[in-house]
mmCIF file of all heavy atoms, coordinates in Angstrom:
data_MODEL
# 
_entry.id   MODEL 
# 
loop_
_atom_site.group_PDB 
_atom_site.id 
_atom_site.type_symbol 
_atom_site.label_atom_id 
_atom_site.label_alt_id 
_atom_site.label_comp_id 
_atom_site.label_asym_id 
_atom_site.label_entity_id 
_atom_site.label_seq_id 
_atom_site.pdbx_PDB_ins_code 
_atom_site.Cartn_x 
_atom_site.Cartn_y 
_atom_site.Cartn_z 
_atom_site.occupancy 
_atom_site.B_iso_or_equiv 
_atom_site.pdbx_formal_charge 
_atom_site.auth_seq_id 
_atom_site.auth_comp_id 
_atom_site.auth_asym_id 
_atom_site.auth_atom_id 
_atom_site.pdbx_PDB_model_num 
ATOM 1   N N   . GLY A 1 1  ? -7.607  -6.933  -8.798  1.00 0.00 ? 1  GLY A N   1 
ATOM 2   C CA  . GLY A 1 1  ? -6.467  -6.359  -8.108  1.00 0.00 ? 1  GLY A CA  1 
ATOM 3   C C   . GLY A 1 1  ? -6.898  -5.254  -7.166  1.00 0.00 ? 1  GLY A C   1 
ATOM 4   O O   . GLY A 1 1  ? -8.088  -4.962  -7.024  1.00 0.00 ? 1  GLY A O   1 
ATOM 5   N N   . GLY A 1 2  ? -5.909  -4.647  -6.529  1.00 0.00 ? 2  GLY A N   1 
ATOM 6   C CA  . GLY A 1 2  ? -6.211  -3.581  -5.581  1.00 0.00 ? 2  GLY A CA  1 
ATOM 7   C C   . GLY A 1 2  ? -4.977  -2.797  -5.197  1.00 0.00 ? 2  GLY A C   1 
ATOM 8   O O   . GLY A 1 2  ? -3.849  -3.272  -5.327  1.00 0.00 ? 2  GLY A O   1 
ATOM 9   N N   . ILE A 1 3  ? -5.206  -1.577  -4.725  1.00 0.00 ? 3  ILE A N   1 
ATOM 10  C CA  . ILE A 1 3  ? -4.132  -0.704  -4.261  1.00 0.00 ? 3  ILE A CA  1 
ATOM 11  C C   . ILE A 1 3  ? -4.566  -0.077  -2.940  1.00 0.00 ? 3  ILE A C   1 
ATOM 12  O O   . ILE A 1 3  ? -5.674  0.476   -2.849  1.00 0.00 ? 3  ILE A O   1 
ATOM 13  C CB  . ILE A 1 3  ? -3.830  0.425   -5.272  1.00 0.00 ? 3  ILE A CB  1 
ATOM 14  C CG1 . ILE A 1 3  ? -3.377  -0.156  -6.623  1.00 0.00 ? 3  ILE A CG1 1 
ATOM 15  C CG2 . ILE A 1 3  ? -2.764  1.375   -4.722  1.00 0.00 ? 3  ILE A CG2 1 
ATOM 16  C CD1 . ILE A 1 3  ? -3.197  0.895   -7.710  1.00 0.00 ? 3  ILE A CD1 1 
ATOM 17  N N   . CYS A 1 4  ? -3.722  -0.173  -1.938  1.00 0.00 ? 4  CYS A N   1 
ATOM 18  C CA  . CYS A 1 4  ? -3.956  0.593   -0.718  1.00 0.00 ? 4  CYS A CA  1 
ATOM 19  C C   . CYS A 1 4  ? -2.933  1.712   -0.658  1.00 0.00 ? 4  CYS A C   1 
ATOM 20  O O   . CYS A 1 4  ? -1.722  1.470   -0.706  1.00 0.00 ? 4  CYS A O   1 
ATOM 21  C CB  . CYS A 1 4  ? -3.839  -0.280  0.531   1.00 0.00 ? 4  CYS A CB  1 
ATOM 22  S SG  . CYS A 1 4  ? -4.407  0.583   2.022   1.00 0.00 ? 4  CYS A SG  1 
ATOM 23  N N   . VAL A 1 5  ? -3.415  2.938   -0.600  1.00 0.00 ? 5  VAL A N   1 
ATOM 24  C CA  . VAL A 1 5  ? -2.533  4.099   -0.495  1.00 0.00 ? 5  VAL A CA  1 
ATOM 25  C C   . VAL A 1 5  ? -2.165  4.244   0.973   1.00 0.00 ? 5  VAL A C   1 
ATOM 26  O O   . VAL A 1 5  ? -2.962  4.704   1.795   1.00 0.00 ? 5  VAL A O   1 
ATOM 27  C CB  . VAL A 1 5  ? -3.227  5.367   -1.025  1.00 0.00 ? 5  VAL A CB  1 
ATOM 28  C CG1 . VAL A 1 5  ? -2.339  6.587   -0.815  1.00 0.00 ? 5  VAL A CG1 1 
ATOM 29  C CG2 . VAL A 1 5  ? -3.553  5.199   -2.507  1.00 0.00 ? 5  VAL A CG2 1 
ATOM 30  N N   . THR A 1 6  ? -0.963  3.792   1.317   1.00 0.00 ? 6  THR A N   1 
ATOM 31  C CA  . THR A 1 6  ? -0.516  3.766   2.708   1.00 0.00 ? 6  THR A CA  1 
ATOM 32  C C   . THR A 1 6  ? 1.006   3.745   2.753   1.00 0.00 ? 6  THR A C   1 
ATOM 33  O O   . THR A 1 6  ? 1.658   3.260   1.826   1.00 0.00 ? 6  THR A O   1 
ATOM 34  C CB  . THR A 1 6  ? -1.062  2.532   3.448   1.00 0.00 ? 6  THR A CB  1 
ATOM 35  O OG1 . THR A 1 6  ? -0.574  2.527   4.795   1.00 0.00 ? 6  THR A OG1 1 
ATOM 36  C CG2 . THR A 1 6  ? -0.620  1.233   2.773   1.00 0.00 ? 6  THR A CG2 1 
ATOM 37  N N   . ALA A 1 7  ? 1.548   4.263   3.829   1.00 0.00 ? 7  ALA A N   1 
ATOM 38  C CA  . ALA A 1 7  ? 2.980   4.124   4.086   1.00 0.00 ? 7  ALA A CA  1 
ATOM 39  C C   . ALA A 1 7  ? 3.201   3.273   5.326   1.00 0.00 ? 7  ALA A C   1 
ATOM 40  O O   . ALA A 1 7  ? 4.244   3.366   5.975   1.00 0.00 ? 7  ALA A O   1 
ATOM 41  C CB  . ALA A 1 7  ? 3.649   5.489   4.226   1.00 0.00 ? 7  ALA A CB  1 
ATOM 42  N N   . SER A 1 8  ? 2.187   2.470   5.677   1.00 0.00 ? 8  SER A N   1 
ATOM 43  C CA  . SER A 1 8  ? 2.291   1.492   6.753   1.00 0.00 ? 8  SER A CA  1 
ATOM 44  C C   . SER A 1 8  ? 2.777   2.120   8.055   1.00 0.00 ? 8  SER A C   1 
ATOM 45  O O   . SER A 1 8  ? 2.137   3.002   8.601   1.00 0.00 ? 8  SER A O   1 
ATOM 46  C CB  . SER A 1 8  ? 3.198   0.336   6.308   1.00 0.00 ? 8  SER A CB  1 
ATOM 47  O OG  . SER A 1 8  ? 3.217   -0.693  7.253   1.00 0.00 ? 8  SER A OG  1 
ATOM 48  N N   . HIS A 1 9  ? 3.949   1.670   8.523   1.00 0.00 ? 9  HIS A N   1 
ATOM 49  C CA  . HIS A 1 9  ? 4.471   2.100   9.826   1.00 0.00 ? 9  HIS A CA  1 
ATOM 50  C C   . HIS A 1 9  ? 5.444   3.268   9.720   1.00 0.00 ? 9  HIS A C   1 
ATOM 51  O O   . HIS A 1 9  ? 5.998   3.692   10.733  1.00 0.00 ? 9  HIS A O   1 
ATOM 52  C CB  . HIS A 1 9  ? 5.184   0.924   10.494  1.00 0.00 ? 9  HIS A CB  1 
ATOM 53  C CG  . HIS A 1 9  ? 6.318   0.388   9.658   1.00 0.00 ? 9  HIS A CG  1 
ATOM 54  N ND1 . HIS A 1 9  ? 6.114   -0.529  8.646   1.00 0.00 ? 9  HIS A ND1 1 
ATOM 55  C CD2 . HIS A 1 9  ? 7.645   0.665   9.656   1.00 0.00 ? 9  HIS A CD2 1 
ATOM 56  C CE1 . HIS A 1 9  ? 7.282   -0.799  8.076   1.00 0.00 ? 9  HIS A CE1 1 
ATOM 57  N NE2 . HIS A 1 9  ? 8.216   -0.088  8.656   1.00 0.00 ? 9  HIS A NE2 1 
ATOM 58  N N   . ASN A 1 10 ? 5.663   3.783   8.525   1.00 0.00 ? 10 ASN A N   1 
ATOM 59  C CA  . ASN A 1 10 ? 6.669   4.834   8.358   1.00 0.00 ? 10 ASN A CA  1 
ATOM 60  C C   . ASN A 1 10 ? 6.249   6.146   9.022   1.00 0.00 ? 10 ASN A C   1 
ATOM 61  O O   . ASN A 1 10 ? 5.072   6.376   9.282   1.00 0.00 ? 10 ASN A O   1 
ATOM 62  C CB  . ASN A 1 10 ? 6.925   5.081   6.872   1.00 0.00 ? 10 ASN A CB  1 
ATOM 63  C CG  . ASN A 1 10 ? 7.812   4.029   6.258   1.00 0.00 ? 10 ASN A CG  1 
ATOM 64  O OD1 . ASN A 1 10 ? 7.437   2.868   6.170   1.00 0.00 ? 10 ASN A OD1 1 
ATOM 65  N ND2 . ASN A 1 10 ? 8.994   4.415   5.829   1.00 0.00 ? 10 ASN A ND2 1 
ATOM 66  N N   . PRO A 1 11 ? 7.222   7.040   9.273   1.00 0.00 ? 11 PRO A N   1 
ATOM 67  C CA  . PRO A 1 11 ? 6.904   8.338   9.879   1.00 0.00 ? 11 PRO A CA  1 
ATOM 68  C C   . PRO A 1 11 ? 5.936   9.159   9.030   1.00 0.00 ? 11 PRO A C   1 
ATOM 69  O O   . PRO A 1 11 ? 5.675   8.847   7.860   1.00 0.00 ? 11 PRO A O   1 
ATOM 70  C CB  . PRO A 1 11 ? 8.277   9.012   9.976   1.00 0.00 ? 11 PRO A CB  1 
ATOM 71  C CG  . PRO A 1 11 ? 9.260   7.889   10.017  1.00 0.00 ? 11 PRO A CG  1 
ATOM 72  C CD  . PRO A 1 11 ? 8.666   6.829   9.131   1.00 0.00 ? 11 PRO A CD  1 
ATOM 73  N N   . LYS A 1 12 ? 5.447   10.247  9.618   1.00 0.00 ? 12 LYS A N   1 
ATOM 74  C CA  . LYS A 1 12 ? 4.329   10.995  9.037   1.00 0.00 ? 12 LYS A CA  1 
ATOM 75  C C   . LYS A 1 12 ? 4.616   11.610  7.675   1.00 0.00 ? 12 LYS A C   1 
ATOM 76  O O   . LYS A 1 12 ? 3.685   11.848  6.895   1.00 0.00 ? 12 LYS A O   1 
ATOM 77  C CB  . LYS A 1 12 ? 3.904   12.100  10.004  1.00 0.00 ? 12 LYS A CB  1 
ATOM 78  C CG  . LYS A 1 12 ? 4.992   13.128  10.304  1.00 0.00 ? 12 LYS A CG  1 
ATOM 79  C CD  . LYS A 1 12 ? 4.533   14.113  11.356  1.00 0.00 ? 12 LYS A CD  1 
ATOM 80  C CE  . LYS A 1 12 ? 5.622   15.129  11.699  1.00 0.00 ? 12 LYS A CE  1 
ATOM 81  N NZ  . LYS A 1 12 ? 5.175   16.045  12.771  1.00 0.00 ? 12 LYS A NZ  1 
ATOM 82  N N   . GLU A 1 13 ? 5.876   11.875  7.364   1.00 0.00 ? 13 GLU A N   1 
ATOM 83  C CA  . GLU A 1 13 ? 6.175   12.536  6.089   1.00 0.00 ? 13 GLU A CA  1 
ATOM 84  C C   . GLU A 1 13 ? 6.107   11.570  4.896   1.00 0.00 ? 13 GLU A C   1 
ATOM 85  O O   . GLU A 1 13 ? 6.229   12.000  3.745   1.00 0.00 ? 13 GLU A O   1 
ATOM 86  C CB  . GLU A 1 13 ? 7.548   13.201  6.134   1.00 0.00 ? 13 GLU A CB  1 
ATOM 87  C CG  . GLU A 1 13 ? 8.703   12.280  6.456   1.00 0.00 ? 13 GLU A CG  1 
ATOM 88  C CD  . GLU A 1 13 ? 9.019   12.220  7.943   1.00 0.00 ? 13 GLU A CD  1 
ATOM 89  O OE1 . GLU A 1 13 ? 8.132   12.529  8.762   1.00 0.00 ? 13 GLU A OE1 1 
ATOM 90  O OE2 . GLU A 1 13 ? 10.169  11.858  8.278   1.00 0.00 ? 13 GLU A OE2 1 
ATOM 91  N N   . TYR A 1 14 ? 5.881   10.307  5.141   1.00 0.00 ? 14 TYR A N   1 
ATOM 92  C CA  . TYR A 1 14 ? 5.884   9.307   4.062   1.00 0.00 ? 14 TYR A CA  1 
ATOM 93  C C   . TYR A 1 14 ? 4.494   9.088   3.467   1.00 0.00 ? 14 TYR A C   1 
ATOM 94  O O   . TYR A 1 14 ? 3.484   9.278   4.121   1.00 0.00 ? 14 TYR A O   1 
ATOM 95  C CB  . TYR A 1 14 ? 6.416   7.963   4.579   1.00 0.00 ? 14 TYR A CB  1 
ATOM 96  C CG  . TYR A 1 14 ? 7.926   7.906   4.633   1.00 0.00 ? 14 TYR A CG  1 
ATOM 97  C CD1 . TYR A 1 14 ? 8.616   8.480   5.700   1.00 0.00 ? 14 TYR A CD1 1 
ATOM 98  C CD2 . TYR A 1 14 ? 8.659   7.272   3.635   1.00 0.00 ? 14 TYR A CD2 1 
ATOM 99  C CE1 . TYR A 1 14 ? 10.002  8.443   5.758   1.00 0.00 ? 14 TYR A CE1 1 
ATOM 100 C CE2 . TYR A 1 14 ? 10.045  7.217   3.694   1.00 0.00 ? 14 TYR A CE2 1 
ATOM 101 C CZ  . TYR A 1 14 ? 10.707  7.807   4.748   1.00 0.00 ? 14 TYR A CZ  1 
ATOM 102 O OH  . TYR A 1 14 ? 12.077  7.763   4.806   1.00 0.00 ? 14 TYR A OH  1 
ATOM 103 N N   . THR A 1 15 ? 4.505   8.667   2.205   1.00 0.00 ? 15 THR A N   1 
ATOM 104 C CA  . THR A 1 15 ? 3.323   8.149   1.538   1.00 0.00 ? 15 THR A CA  1 
ATOM 105 C C   . THR A 1 15 ? 3.751   6.889   0.808   1.00 0.00 ? 15 THR A C   1 
ATOM 106 O O   . THR A 1 15 ? 4.934   6.538   0.774   1.00 0.00 ? 15 THR A O   1 
ATOM 107 C CB  . THR A 1 15 ? 2.728   9.180   0.565   1.00 0.00 ? 15 THR A CB  1 
ATOM 108 O OG1 . THR A 1 15 ? 1.484   8.683   0.050   1.00 0.00 ? 15 THR A OG1 1 
ATOM 109 C CG2 . THR A 1 15 ? 3.666   9.459   -0.606  1.00 0.00 ? 15 THR A CG2 1 
ATOM 110 N N   . GLY A 1 16 ? 2.794   6.178   0.214   1.00 0.00 ? 16 GLY A N   1 
ATOM 111 C CA  . GLY A 1 16 ? 3.171   4.962   -0.487  1.00 0.00 ? 16 GLY A CA  1 
ATOM 112 C C   . GLY A 1 16 ? 1.973   4.166   -0.926  1.00 0.00 ? 16 GLY A C   1 
ATOM 113 O O   . GLY A 1 16 ? 0.817   4.624   -0.839  1.00 0.00 ? 16 GLY A O   1 
ATOM 114 N N   . MET A 1 17 ? 2.229   2.946   -1.405  1.00 0.00 ? 17 MET A N   1 
ATOM 115 C CA  . MET A 1 17 ? 1.162   2.058   -1.890  1.00 0.00 ? 17 MET A CA  1 
ATOM 116 C C   . MET A 1 17 ? 1.560   0.611   -1.674  1.00 0.00 ? 17 MET A C   1 
ATOM 117 O O   . MET A 1 17 ? 2.724   0.239   -1.846  1.00 0.00 ? 17 MET A O   1 
ATOM 118 C CB  . MET A 1 17 ? 0.912   2.265   -3.391  1.00 0.00 ? 17 MET A CB  1 
ATOM 119 C CG  . MET A 1 17 ? 0.475   3.644   -3.799  1.00 0.00 ? 17 MET A CG  1 
ATOM 120 S SD  . MET A 1 17 ? 0.226   3.695   -5.590  1.00 0.00 ? 17 MET A SD  1 
ATOM 121 C CE  . MET A 1 17 ? 0.089   5.473   -5.827  1.00 0.00 ? 17 MET A CE  1 
ATOM 122 N N   . LYS A 1 18 ? 0.556   -0.205  -1.316  1.00 0.00 ? 18 LYS A N   1 
ATOM 123 C CA  . LYS A 1 18 ? 0.688   -1.652  -1.354  1.00 0.00 ? 18 LYS A CA  1 
ATOM 124 C C   . LYS A 1 18 ? -0.242  -2.133  -2.461  1.00 0.00 ? 18 LYS A C   1 
ATOM 125 O O   . LYS A 1 18 ? -1.432  -1.793  -2.472  1.00 0.00 ? 18 LYS A O   1 
ATOM 126 C CB  . LYS A 1 18 ? 0.327   -2.274  -0.013  1.00 0.00 ? 18 LYS A CB  1 
ATOM 127 C CG  . LYS A 1 18 ? 1.322   -1.908  1.099   1.00 0.00 ? 18 LYS A CG  1 
ATOM 128 C CD  . LYS A 1 18 ? 0.983   -2.575  2.416   1.00 0.00 ? 18 LYS A CD  1 
ATOM 129 C CE  . LYS A 1 18 ? 2.013   -2.216  3.486   1.00 0.00 ? 18 LYS A CE  1 
ATOM 130 N NZ  . LYS A 1 18 ? 1.709   -2.853  4.801   1.00 0.00 ? 18 LYS A NZ  1 
ATOM 131 N N   . ILE A 1 19 ? 0.308   -2.889  -3.385  1.00 0.00 ? 19 ILE A N   1 
ATOM 132 C CA  . ILE A 1 19 ? -0.397  -3.240  -4.617  1.00 0.00 ? 19 ILE A CA  1 
ATOM 133 C C   . ILE A 1 19 ? -0.532  -4.755  -4.722  1.00 0.00 ? 19 ILE A C   1 
ATOM 134 O O   . ILE A 1 19 ? 0.425   -5.492  -4.466  1.00 0.00 ? 19 ILE A O   1 
ATOM 135 C CB  . ILE A 1 19 ? 0.367   -2.692  -5.849  1.00 0.00 ? 19 ILE A CB  1 
ATOM 136 C CG1 . ILE A 1 19 ? 0.594   -1.175  -5.707  1.00 0.00 ? 19 ILE A CG1 1 
ATOM 137 C CG2 . ILE A 1 19 ? -0.372  -3.018  -7.137  1.00 0.00 ? 19 ILE A CG2 1 
ATOM 138 C CD1 . ILE A 1 19 ? 1.473   -0.584  -6.795  1.00 0.00 ? 19 ILE A CD1 1 
ATOM 139 N N   . VAL A 1 20 ? -1.727  -5.211  -5.091  1.00 0.00 ? 20 VAL A N   1 
ATOM 140 C CA  . VAL A 1 20 ? -1.952  -6.642  -5.260  1.00 0.00 ? 20 VAL A CA  1 
ATOM 141 C C   . VAL A 1 20 ? -2.670  -6.931  -6.574  1.00 0.00 ? 20 VAL A C   1 
ATOM 142 O O   . VAL A 1 20 ? -3.312  -6.053  -7.154  1.00 0.00 ? 20 VAL A O   1 
ATOM 143 C CB  . VAL A 1 20 ? -2.779  -7.250  -4.096  1.00 0.00 ? 20 VAL A CB  1 
ATOM 144 C CG1 . VAL A 1 20 ? -2.003  -7.159  -2.796  1.00 0.00 ? 20 VAL A CG1 1 
ATOM 145 C CG2 . VAL A 1 20 ? -4.139  -6.561  -3.952  1.00 0.00 ? 20 VAL A CG2 1 
ATOM 146 N N   . ARG A 1 21 ? -2.531  -8.184  -7.004  1.00 0.00 ? 21 ARG A N   1 
ATOM 147 C CA  . ARG A 1 21 ? -3.244  -8.678  -8.177  1.00 0.00 ? 21 ARG A CA  1 
ATOM 148 C C   . ARG A 1 21 ? -4.454  -9.487  -7.729  1.00 0.00 ? 21 ARG A C   1 
ATOM 149 O O   . ARG A 1 21 ? -4.794  -9.515  -6.552  1.00 0.00 ? 21 ARG A O   1 
ATOM 150 C CB  . ARG A 1 21 ? -2.297  -9.561  -9.011  1.00 0.00 ? 21 ARG A CB  1 
ATOM 151 C CG  . ARG A 1 21 ? -1.155  -8.818  -9.668  1.00 0.00 ? 21 ARG A CG  1 
ATOM 152 C CD  . ARG A 1 21 ? -0.262  -9.792  -10.420 1.00 0.00 ? 21 ARG A CD  1 
ATOM 153 N NE  . ARG A 1 21 ? 0.565   -10.583 -9.507  1.00 0.00 ? 21 ARG A NE  1 
ATOM 154 C CZ  . ARG A 1 21 ? 0.922   -11.832 -9.729  1.00 0.00 ? 21 ARG A CZ  1 
ATOM 155 N NH1 . ARG A 1 21 ? 0.509   -12.463 -10.807 1.00 0.00 ? 21 ARG A NH1 1 
ATOM 156 N NH2 . ARG A 1 21 ? 1.690   -12.478 -8.868  1.00 0.00 ? 21 ARG A NH2 1 
ATOM 157 N N   . ARG A 1 22 ? -5.081  -10.160 -8.656  1.00 0.00 ? 22 ARG A N   1 
ATOM 158 C CA  . ARG A 1 22 ? -6.224  -11.021 -8.341  1.00 0.00 ? 22 ARG A CA  1 
ATOM 159 C C   . ARG A 1 22 ? -5.829  -12.046 -7.273  1.00 0.00 ? 22 ARG A C   1 
ATOM 160 O O   . ARG A 1 22 ? -4.727  -12.562 -7.278  1.00 0.00 ? 22 ARG A O   1 
ATOM 161 C CB  . ARG A 1 22 ? -6.698  -11.732 -9.603  1.00 0.00 ? 22 ARG A CB  1 
ATOM 162 C CG  . ARG A 1 22 ? -8.007  -12.489 -9.415  1.00 0.00 ? 22 ARG A CG  1 
ATOM 163 C CD  . ARG A 1 22 ? -8.564  -13.005 -10.738 1.00 0.00 ? 22 ARG A CD  1 
ATOM 164 N NE  . ARG A 1 22 ? -9.891  -13.579 -10.546 1.00 0.00 ? 22 ARG A NE  1 
ATOM 165 C CZ  . ARG A 1 22 ? -11.014 -12.884 -10.514 1.00 0.00 ? 22 ARG A CZ  1 
ATOM 166 N NH1 . ARG A 1 22 ? -10.962 -11.566 -10.701 1.00 0.00 ? 22 ARG A NH1 1 
ATOM 167 N NH2 . ARG A 1 22 ? -12.178 -13.463 -10.314 1.00 0.00 ? 22 ARG A NH2 1 
ATOM 168 N N   . GLY A 1 23 ? -6.745  -12.318 -6.358  1.00 0.00 ? 23 GLY A N   1 
ATOM 169 C CA  . GLY A 1 23 ? -6.435  -13.236 -5.268  1.00 0.00 ? 23 GLY A CA  1 
ATOM 170 C C   . GLY A 1 23 ? -5.616  -12.591 -4.170  1.00 0.00 ? 23 GLY A C   1 
ATOM 171 O O   . GLY A 1 23 ? -5.114  -13.279 -3.288  1.00 0.00 ? 23 GLY A O   1 
ATOM 172 N N   . ALA A 1 24 ? -5.465  -11.286 -4.207  1.00 0.00 ? 24 ALA A N   1 
ATOM 173 C CA  . ALA A 1 24 ? -4.674  -10.522 -3.232  1.00 0.00 ? 24 ALA A CA  1 
ATOM 174 C C   . ALA A 1 24 ? -3.202  -10.918 -3.254  1.00 0.00 ? 24 ALA A C   1 
ATOM 175 O O   . ALA A 1 24 ? -2.493  -10.763 -2.263  1.00 0.00 ? 24 ALA A O   1 
ATOM 176 C CB  . ALA A 1 24 ? -5.249  -10.667 -1.820  1.00 0.00 ? 24 ALA A CB  1 
ATOM 177 N N   . LEU A 1 25 ? -2.725  -11.403 -4.400  1.00 0.00 ? 25 LEU A N   1 
ATOM 178 C CA  . LEU A 1 25 ? -1.305  -11.718 -4.544  1.00 0.00 ? 25 LEU A CA  1 
ATOM 179 C C   . LEU A 1 25 ? -0.510  -10.422 -4.680  1.00 0.00 ? 25 LEU A C   1 
ATOM 180 O O   . LEU A 1 25 ? -0.858  -9.553  -5.478  1.00 0.00 ? 25 LEU A O   1 
ATOM 181 C CB  . LEU A 1 25 ? -1.070  -12.602 -5.771  1.00 0.00 ? 25 LEU A CB  1 
ATOM 182 C CG  . LEU A 1 25 ? -1.257  -14.107 -5.580  1.00 0.00 ? 25 LEU A CG  1 
ATOM 183 C CD1 . LEU A 1 25 ? -1.238  -14.805 -6.939  1.00 0.00 ? 25 LEU A CD1 1 
ATOM 184 C CD2 . LEU A 1 25 ? -0.152  -14.673 -4.693  1.00 0.00 ? 25 LEU A CD2 1 
# 
């Protein structure tokens, strides 16, 4: 699995995460 600590396209005050399992699901 994996986690990217990102808020993608959101404004600067945001934080967040995109989380995946095995196979990048």
